Amino acid sequence: MLRKLSITAVGMALALGTLGLATAPSASAATPCPSGAVCIRETNGSILSKNIFYDYGVHNLSNVTGDRVLVNNQTGGAGFQVCYDYNGGRCSAVMRGVGESAPYNMTPINSVVLVR
């Protein structure tokens, strides 16, 4: 019985480890988003300094395409919107969830707006 339990635990650990690798960059590969910021993560898990936003208002994007993870690390319930137009036009609803989003197709997105 103990041997069967050990084999089951090892199998579950392997399965969970495989799932973790398939869904997110490893902890060592992912660059943290600074406190108080909204960040756009590159496909390799890094965050370029040009894609770290602290100030409320509109931030126009340049060369941000494909599926990217957005990270809301703002405090006090602040949120953000993604917008199809430059200067904050045709925006999504405000997203206030803290942490990483599911990958999002950024190709048609041209700006991000940080809101209180």
Protein backbone atom coordinates (compact mmCIF):
# COMPACT_ATOMS: atom_id res chain seq x y z
CA MET A 1 0.00 0.00 0.00
CA LEU A 2 2.81 2.43 0.91
CA ARG A 3 4.63 1.67 -2.34
CA LYS A 4 1.45 2.33 -4.33
CA LEU A 5 0.97 5.65 -2.51
CA SER A 6 4.58 6.68 -3.25
CA ILE A 7 4.22 5.86 -6.94
CA THR A 8 0.94 7.81 -7.11
CA ALA A 9 2.53 10.85 -5.40
CA VAL A 10 5.49 10.77 -7.80
CA GLY A 11 3.13 10.50 -10.78
CA MET A 12 1.06 13.45 -9.56
CA ALA A 13 4.18 15.56 -8.98
CA LEU A 14 5.42 14.79 -12.49
CA ALA A 15 2.03 15.59 -14.00
CA LEU A 16 1.74 18.88 -12.12
CA GLY A 17 5.31 19.83 -13.03
CA THR A 18 4.60 19.16 -16.69
CA LEU A 19 1.43 21.26 -16.55
CA GLY A 20 3.31 24.13 -14.92
CA LEU A 21 5.97 24.13 -17.61
CA ALA A 22 3.36 24.09 -20.35
CA THR A 23 1.38 27.04 -19.03
CA ALA A 24 3.90 29.55 -17.68
CA PRO A 25 7.57 30.48 -17.91
CA SER A 26 9.70 29.04 -15.14
CA ALA A 27 10.15 31.19 -12.05
CA SER A 28 13.77 31.86 -12.97
CA ALA A 29 12.87 32.90 -16.54
CA ALA A 30 10.02 35.29 -15.70
CA THR A 31 10.99 38.87 -14.90
CA PRO A 32 8.89 40.28 -12.04
CA CYS A 33 6.64 43.27 -12.70
CA PRO A 34 7.52 46.06 -10.21
CA SER A 35 5.01 46.98 -7.51
CA GLY A 36 2.68 49.76 -8.62
CA ALA A 37 3.05 49.02 -12.35
CA VAL A 38 1.28 47.37 -15.27
CA CYS A 39 3.68 45.37 -17.44
CA ILE A 40 3.57 43.56 -20.75
CA ARG A 41 5.59 40.36 -20.65
CA GLU A 42 7.61 39.26 -23.70
CA THR A 43 7.08 35.72 -25.00
CA ASN A 44 10.33 34.62 -23.31
CA GLY A 45 9.11 35.81 -19.88
CA SER A 46 11.13 39.03 -19.77
CA ILE A 47 9.72 42.55 -19.44
CA LEU A 48 11.22 45.37 -21.50
CA SER A 49 11.59 48.69 -19.67
CA LYS A 50 9.47 50.38 -22.38
CA ASN A 51 6.58 48.06 -21.42
CA ILE A 52 6.47 48.95 -17.70
CA PHE A 53 3.82 51.60 -16.98
CA TYR A 54 3.46 53.48 -13.66
CA ASP A 55 1.53 56.65 -14.50
CA TYR A 56 -2.25 56.83 -14.82
CA GLY A 57 -3.37 57.73 -18.33
CA VAL A 58 -2.60 56.62 -21.87
CA HIS A 59 0.53 54.75 -22.94
CA ASN A 60 0.92 54.22 -26.70
CA LEU A 61 2.57 50.94 -27.71
CA SER A 62 5.25 50.28 -30.30
CA ASN A 63 6.08 46.84 -31.77
CA VAL A 64 4.01 44.86 -29.27
CA THR A 65 2.45 42.03 -31.28
CA GLY A 66 1.37 38.45 -30.79
CA ASP A 67 0.18 36.77 -27.65
CA ARG A 68 1.47 38.50 -24.52
CA VAL A 69 0.72 38.27 -20.81
CA LEU A 70 -0.25 41.52 -19.10
CA VAL A 71 0.60 41.88 -15.42
CA ASN A 72 -1.36 44.23 -13.17
CA ASN A 73 0.80 44.88 -10.13
CA GLN A 74 -0.85 48.19 -9.20
CA THR A 75 -2.10 48.78 -5.68
CA GLY A 76 -5.29 50.24 -4.24
CA GLY A 77 -7.63 48.56 -6.75
CA ALA A 78 -6.24 50.42 -9.79
CA GLY A 79 -6.88 48.89 -13.20
CA PHE A 80 -6.08 49.18 -16.86
CA GLN A 81 -7.68 49.00 -20.29
CA VAL A 82 -6.28 47.81 -23.61
CA CYS A 83 -7.26 49.96 -26.60
CA TYR A 84 -7.39 49.38 -30.35
CA ASP A 85 -6.52 52.99 -31.19
CA TYR A 86 -3.55 55.11 -30.22
CA ASN A 87 -4.22 57.69 -27.50
CA GLY A 88 -6.76 55.47 -25.75
CA GLY A 89 -9.52 55.04 -28.35
CA ARG A 90 -11.89 52.04 -28.54
CA CYS A 91 -10.90 50.47 -25.21
CA SER A 92 -11.85 47.33 -23.33
CA ALA A 93 -13.64 47.36 -20.00
CA VAL A 94 -11.40 48.22 -17.04
CA MET A 95 -9.52 45.16 -15.77
CA ARG A 96 -8.75 45.40 -12.06
CA GLY A 97 -7.58 41.87 -11.29
CA VAL A 98 -4.10 41.79 -9.76
CA GLY A 99 -1.51 39.45 -11.24
CA GLU A 100 -0.97 37.90 -14.64
CA SER A 101 -3.64 37.69 -17.30
CA ALA A 102 -4.10 34.82 -19.70
CA PRO A 103 -2.13 35.40 -22.93
CA TYR A 104 -3.80 38.16 -24.96
CA ASN A 105 -3.41 38.90 -28.69
CA MET A 106 -1.74 42.31 -28.68
CA THR A 107 -1.43 42.66 -32.48
CA PRO A 108 -4.52 44.90 -32.86
CA ILE A 109 -3.82 46.77 -29.59
CA ASN A 110 -2.15 50.19 -29.87
CA SER A 111 -2.39 51.63 -26.37
CA VAL A 112 -2.86 50.81 -22.69
CA VAL A 113 -4.66 53.12 -20.24
CA LEU A 114 -3.99 52.96 -16.50
CA VAL A 115 -7.00 54.01 -14.39
CA ARG A 116 -7.60 54.61 -10.69
